[in-house]
N, C-alpha and C. Protein backbone atom coordinates (compact mmCIF):
# COMPACT_ATOMS: atom_id res chain seq x y z
N UNK A 1 17.96 7.10 -9.72
CA UNK A 1 19.14 7.00 -10.79
C UNK A 1 18.60 7.80 -11.81
N UNK A 2 17.10 7.83 -12.12
CA UNK A 2 17.09 8.49 -13.83
C UNK A 2 17.03 10.40 -13.56
N UNK A 3 17.38 10.65 -11.94
CA UNK A 3 17.30 11.96 -11.59
C UNK A 3 18.56 12.16 -11.97
N UNK A 4 19.65 12.11 -11.08
CA UNK A 4 20.80 12.24 -11.03
C UNK A 4 21.29 11.49 -12.31
N UNK A 5 21.26 11.09 -13.24
CA UNK A 5 21.72 10.30 -14.41
C UNK A 5 20.82 11.31 -16.02
N UNK A 6 19.71 11.63 -15.72
CA UNK A 6 19.30 12.29 -16.84
C UNK A 6 19.06 11.32 -17.63
N UNK A 7 18.63 10.55 -16.78
CA UNK A 7 17.95 9.18 -17.97
C UNK A 7 16.22 9.34 -18.19
N UNK A 8 15.82 9.75 -20.18
CA UNK A 8 14.62 9.69 -20.03
C UNK A 8 14.33 8.78 -19.81
N UNK A 9 14.83 7.68 -20.31
CA UNK A 9 14.01 6.64 -20.73
C UNK A 9 13.05 5.50 -18.92
N UNK A 10 14.47 5.65 -18.31
CA UNK A 10 14.27 5.14 -16.74
C UNK A 10 13.58 5.65 -16.10
N UNK A 11 13.09 7.36 -16.19
CA UNK A 11 11.88 8.63 -16.22
C UNK A 11 10.61 8.29 -16.31
N UNK A 12 10.69 7.43 -18.28
CA UNK A 12 9.33 6.67 -18.39
C UNK A 12 8.60 5.59 -17.76
N UNK A 13 9.27 4.74 -17.53
CA UNK A 13 9.39 3.64 -16.65
C UNK A 13 8.80 3.73 -15.74
N UNK A 14 9.33 4.56 -14.85
CA UNK A 14 8.72 5.15 -13.23
C UNK A 14 7.14 5.47 -13.63
N UNK A 15 7.36 6.74 -14.38
CA UNK A 15 6.12 6.83 -14.72
C UNK A 15 4.50 5.68 -15.15
N UNK A 16 4.98 5.07 -15.91
CA UNK A 16 4.02 3.84 -16.53
C UNK A 16 3.89 3.11 -15.49
N UNK A 17 4.94 3.05 -14.54
CA UNK A 17 4.80 2.03 -13.50
C UNK A 17 3.76 2.72 -12.26
N UNK A 18 3.48 3.76 -12.02
CA UNK A 18 2.55 4.50 -11.07
C UNK A 18 1.18 4.04 -10.92
N UNK A 19 0.57 3.95 -12.51
CA UNK A 19 -0.77 3.20 -12.32
C UNK A 19 -0.78 1.79 -12.11
N UNK A 20 0.08 1.07 -12.26
CA UNK A 20 0.35 -0.29 -11.38
C UNK A 20 0.17 -0.37 -9.46
N UNK A 21 1.36 0.40 -9.30
CA UNK A 21 0.96 0.96 -7.79
C UNK A 21 0.34 1.19 -7.39
N UNK A 22 -1.03 2.44 -7.78
CA UNK A 22 -2.20 2.96 -7.24
C UNK A 22 -3.20 1.75 -7.61
N UNK A 23 -3.12 0.41 -8.42
CA UNK A 23 -3.70 -0.08 -8.40
C UNK A 23 -3.48 -1.04 -7.33
N UNK A 24 -2.68 -1.65 -6.78
CA UNK A 24 -2.36 -2.63 -6.36
C UNK A 24 -2.58 -2.43 -4.25
N UNK A 25 -2.32 -0.40 -4.72
CA UNK A 25 -2.77 -0.10 -2.88
C UNK A 25 -4.41 -0.37 -3.11
N UNK A 26 -5.07 -0.08 -4.46
CA UNK A 26 -6.24 -0.38 -4.21
C UNK A 26 -7.16 -1.80 -3.91
N UNK A 27 -5.94 -3.06 -3.70
CA UNK A 27 -6.07 -4.03 -3.92
C UNK A 27 -6.65 -4.82 -2.50
N UNK A 28 -5.00 -3.86 -1.91
CA UNK A 28 -4.15 -3.85 -0.16
C UNK A 28 -6.34 -3.87 0.21
N UNK A 29 -6.33 -2.50 0.03
CA UNK A 29 -7.32 -1.59 0.83
C UNK A 29 -8.47 -2.64 1.00
N UNK A 30 -9.10 -3.46 -0.35
CA UNK A 30 -10.26 -3.61 -0.49
C UNK A 30 -9.65 -4.78 0.33
N UNK A 31 -8.54 -5.78 0.65
CA UNK A 31 -8.89 -7.34 1.16
C UNK A 31 -8.74 -6.47 2.66
N UNK A 32 -7.86 -5.75 3.78
CA UNK A 32 -7.85 -5.01 4.83
C UNK A 32 -9.20 -4.92 5.09
N UNK A 33 -10.13 -4.23 3.68
CA UNK A 33 -11.86 -3.72 4.59
C UNK A 33 -12.34 -5.12 4.60
N UNK A 34 -11.80 -6.63 3.65
CA UNK A 34 -12.52 -7.61 4.23
C UNK A 34 -12.48 -8.53 5.26
N UNK A 35 -11.10 -8.34 5.36
CA UNK A 35 -10.17 -8.53 6.61
C UNK A 35 -10.70 -7.88 8.33
N UNK A 36 -11.18 -6.76 7.86
CA UNK A 36 -11.41 -5.84 8.94
C UNK A 36 -12.72 -6.08 9.98
N UNK A 37 -13.52 -6.25 8.41
CA UNK A 37 -14.87 -6.59 9.15
C UNK A 37 -15.20 -7.92 9.07
N UNK A 38 -14.68 -8.99 9.13
CA UNK A 38 -14.55 -10.57 9.55
C UNK A 38 -14.76 -10.85 11.44
N UNK A 39 -13.71 -9.60 11.43
CA UNK A 39 -13.40 -9.47 13.18
C UNK A 39 -12.97 -8.67 13.58
N UNK A 40 -13.82 -7.69 14.84
CA UNK A 40 -13.11 -6.48 15.40
C UNK A 40 -11.30 -5.95 15.78
N UNK A 41 -10.80 -7.92 15.81
CA UNK A 41 -9.98 -7.87 16.44
C UNK A 41 -8.31 -7.64 15.02
N UNK A 42 -9.13 -7.61 13.98
CA UNK A 42 -7.91 -7.15 13.12
C UNK A 42 -8.31 -5.39 12.83
N UNK A 43 -8.99 -4.80 13.13
CA UNK A 43 -8.92 -3.21 12.86
C UNK A 43 -8.28 -2.40 13.18
N UNK A 44 -7.24 -3.18 14.10
CA UNK A 44 -5.60 -2.14 14.70
C UNK A 44 -5.31 -2.48 13.74
N UNK A 45 -4.68 -3.53 13.29
CA UNK A 45 -3.08 -4.09 12.39
C UNK A 45 -3.60 -3.66 10.68
N UNK A 46 -5.36 -3.72 10.84
CA UNK A 46 -5.91 -3.15 8.85
C UNK A 46 -5.22 -2.05 8.83
N UNK A 47 -5.47 -0.89 9.70
CA UNK A 47 -5.51 -0.05 10.16
C UNK A 47 -4.24 0.38 9.81
N UNK A 48 -3.39 -0.11 10.27
CA UNK A 48 -2.04 0.49 10.77
C UNK A 48 -1.18 -0.32 8.92
N UNK A 49 -1.72 -1.25 8.75
CA UNK A 49 -1.11 -1.79 7.24
C UNK A 49 -1.71 -0.39 6.31
N UNK A 50 -3.11 -0.28 6.57
CA UNK A 50 -3.82 0.69 5.50
C UNK A 50 -2.84 1.75 5.14
N UNK A 51 -2.50 2.33 6.27
CA UNK A 51 -1.70 3.59 6.31
C UNK A 51 -0.25 3.55 5.76
N UNK A 52 0.24 2.13 6.00
CA UNK A 52 1.25 1.40 4.79
C UNK A 52 1.53 1.46 3.74
N UNK A 53 0.71 1.18 3.32
CA UNK A 53 0.23 0.79 1.59
C UNK A 53 0.27 2.48 1.12
N UNK A 54 -0.80 3.10 1.67
CA UNK A 54 -1.30 4.66 1.37
C UNK A 54 0.34 5.14 0.98
N UNK A 55 0.99 5.06 2.08
CA UNK A 55 2.02 5.90 2.71
C UNK A 55 3.02 5.12 0.71
N UNK A 56 2.99 4.04 0.64
CA UNK A 56 4.04 3.41 -0.46
C UNK A 56 3.59 3.95 -2.21
N UNK A 57 1.94 4.48 -1.59
CA UNK A 57 1.34 4.48 -2.56
C UNK A 57 1.77 6.20 -3.08
N UNK A 58 1.78 7.25 -2.12
CA UNK A 58 2.29 8.66 -2.04
C UNK A 58 3.67 8.34 -3.00
N UNK A 59 4.67 7.00 -2.61
CA UNK A 59 5.76 7.33 -2.60
C UNK A 59 5.77 7.58 -4.28
N UNK A 60 5.61 6.06 -4.64
CA UNK A 60 5.17 6.14 -6.37
C UNK A 60 4.64 7.38 -6.66
N UNK A 61 4.07 8.44 -6.55
CA UNK A 61 3.43 9.26 -6.67
C UNK A 61 4.69 10.39 -6.94
N UNK A 62 5.34 10.56 -5.70
CA UNK A 62 6.62 11.49 -5.99
C UNK A 62 7.62 10.87 -6.74
N UNK A 63 7.91 9.58 -6.87
CA UNK A 63 8.51 9.37 -8.55
C UNK A 63 8.21 9.55 -8.99
N UNK A 64 6.58 9.54 -9.51
CA UNK A 64 6.39 9.87 -10.34
C UNK A 64 6.94 11.85 -11.24
N UNK A 65 6.73 11.98 -9.75
CA UNK A 65 6.27 13.72 -9.86
C UNK A 65 7.87 14.12 -10.07
N UNK A 66 9.11 13.16 -9.62
CA UNK A 66 10.57 13.37 -9.84
C UNK A 66 10.83 13.42 -11.45
N UNK A 67 10.16 11.75 -11.74
CA UNK A 67 10.41 11.62 -13.46
C UNK A 67 9.87 12.77 -14.31
N UNK A 68 8.77 13.23 -14.01
CA UNK A 68 8.10 13.82 -15.05
C UNK A 68 9.25 14.89 -14.69
N UNK A 69 9.87 15.67 -14.11
CA UNK A 69 11.27 16.88 -13.87
C UNK A 69 11.89 16.33 -14.70
N UNK A 70 12.68 14.97 -14.49
CA UNK A 70 13.84 14.67 -15.42
C UNK A 70 13.34 15.05 -16.77
N UNK A 71 12.41 14.45 -17.52
CA UNK A 71 11.86 14.34 -18.51
C UNK A 71 12.07 16.05 -18.90
N UNK A 72 11.15 16.68 -18.08
CA UNK A 72 11.32 18.63 -18.07
C UNK A 72 12.94 18.66 -18.76
N UNK A 73 14.06 18.18 -17.85
CA UNK A 73 14.78 18.88 -17.85
C UNK A 73 15.90 18.54 -19.16
N UNK A 74 14.81 17.14 -19.21
CA UNK A 74 16.66 16.59 -20.59
C UNK A 74 15.61 16.73 -21.79
N UNK A 75 13.99 16.85 -21.88
CA UNK A 75 13.21 16.91 -23.37
C UNK A 75 13.08 19.52 -23.15
N UNK A 76 12.97 19.73 -21.87
CA UNK A 76 12.37 20.78 -22.22
C UNK A 76 10.87 20.86 -22.54
N UNK A 77 10.03 19.55 -21.81
CA UNK A 77 9.05 19.76 -22.27
C UNK A 77 7.85 19.08 -20.92
N UNK A 78 7.44 19.83 -20.49
CA UNK A 78 6.49 19.69 -19.50
C UNK A 78 5.21 18.38 -19.91
N UNK A 79 5.29 17.20 -19.35
CA UNK A 79 4.37 15.65 -19.62
C UNK A 79 3.62 15.65 -18.48
N UNK A 80 3.13 16.26 -17.44
CA UNK A 80 2.18 16.37 -16.58
C UNK A 80 0.66 15.85 -16.70
N UNK A 81 0.85 17.07 -18.11
CA UNK A 81 -0.94 16.88 -18.24
C UNK A 81 -0.73 16.26 -19.85
N UNK A 82 -0.01 15.26 -20.30
CA UNK A 82 -0.41 14.22 -21.12
C UNK A 82 -0.72 12.71 -20.99
N UNK A 83 -2.00 12.62 -21.45
CA UNK A 83 -2.79 11.00 -21.17
C UNK A 83 -1.26 9.80 -21.29
N UNK A 84 -1.48 9.19 -19.86
CA UNK A 84 -0.13 7.73 -20.04
C UNK A 84 -0.13 6.70 -20.70
N UNK A 85 -1.32 6.38 -22.07
CA UNK A 85 -1.01 5.87 -23.22
C UNK A 85 -0.26 6.90 -24.23
N UNK A 86 -0.19 8.11 -24.12
CA UNK A 86 0.76 8.58 -25.19
C UNK A 86 2.03 8.36 -24.49
N UNK A 87 2.30 8.55 -23.09
CA UNK A 87 3.68 8.14 -22.85
C UNK A 87 4.16 6.41 -22.65
N UNK A 88 4.02 5.96 -22.87
CA UNK A 88 3.71 4.33 -23.32
C UNK A 88 3.94 4.29 -24.21
N UNK A 89 3.34 4.88 -25.29
CA UNK A 89 3.77 4.66 -26.85
C UNK A 89 4.59 5.53 -26.81
N UNK A 90 5.41 6.90 -26.29
CA UNK A 90 6.86 7.09 -26.76
C UNK A 90 7.58 6.29 -26.41
N UNK A 91 7.45 5.49 -25.35
CA UNK A 91 8.45 4.63 -24.21
C UNK A 91 8.60 3.61 -25.39
N UNK A 92 7.48 3.32 -26.20
CA UNK A 92 8.01 2.14 -26.56
C UNK A 92 8.40 2.23 -28.39
N UNK A 93 7.97 3.54 -28.43
CA UNK A 93 8.68 3.60 -30.15
C UNK A 93 10.29 4.93 -30.14
N UNK A 94 10.05 5.40 -29.09
CA UNK A 94 11.42 5.53 -28.75
C UNK A 94 11.18 7.54 -28.98
N UNK A 95 9.54 8.34 -29.32
CA UNK A 95 9.40 9.05 -29.99
C UNK A 95 10.44 10.25 -29.22
N UNK A 96 9.74 11.50 -29.62
CA UNK A 96 9.98 12.89 -29.12
C UNK A 96 9.14 13.14 -28.30
N UNK A 97 9.57 13.66 -26.33
CA UNK A 97 8.50 14.54 -26.26
C UNK A 97 8.05 15.71 -27.62
N UNK A 98 9.15 16.68 -27.97
CA UNK A 98 8.59 17.93 -28.00
C UNK A 98 7.52 17.57 -29.44
N UNK A 99 7.47 16.46 -30.16
CA UNK A 99 6.57 16.36 -31.02
C UNK A 99 5.24 16.62 -30.41
N UNK A 100 4.89 16.90 -29.26
CA UNK A 100 3.59 16.41 -29.23
C UNK A 100 3.27 17.76 -28.80
């Protein structure tokens, strides 16, 4: 929706949520490792679930890349190398990326 509507605020929301998706993937993998180490019966399904988790994390990364493109389309600013805390601050204050 942010891409089609050139919605900068929604794009920033996507970018700021990517970190949570990454952390969730880490938690899932940690839990799977614990379960797989308990019994060899858990290895096959654990491996499959780990693929799903990793693919969902990659979808989050792709969504972030698209959101960065939206901000470039709207603001004319490449934000790929701007720290996440600055993006969060811009989102909260409504500041302009061009001032960075």
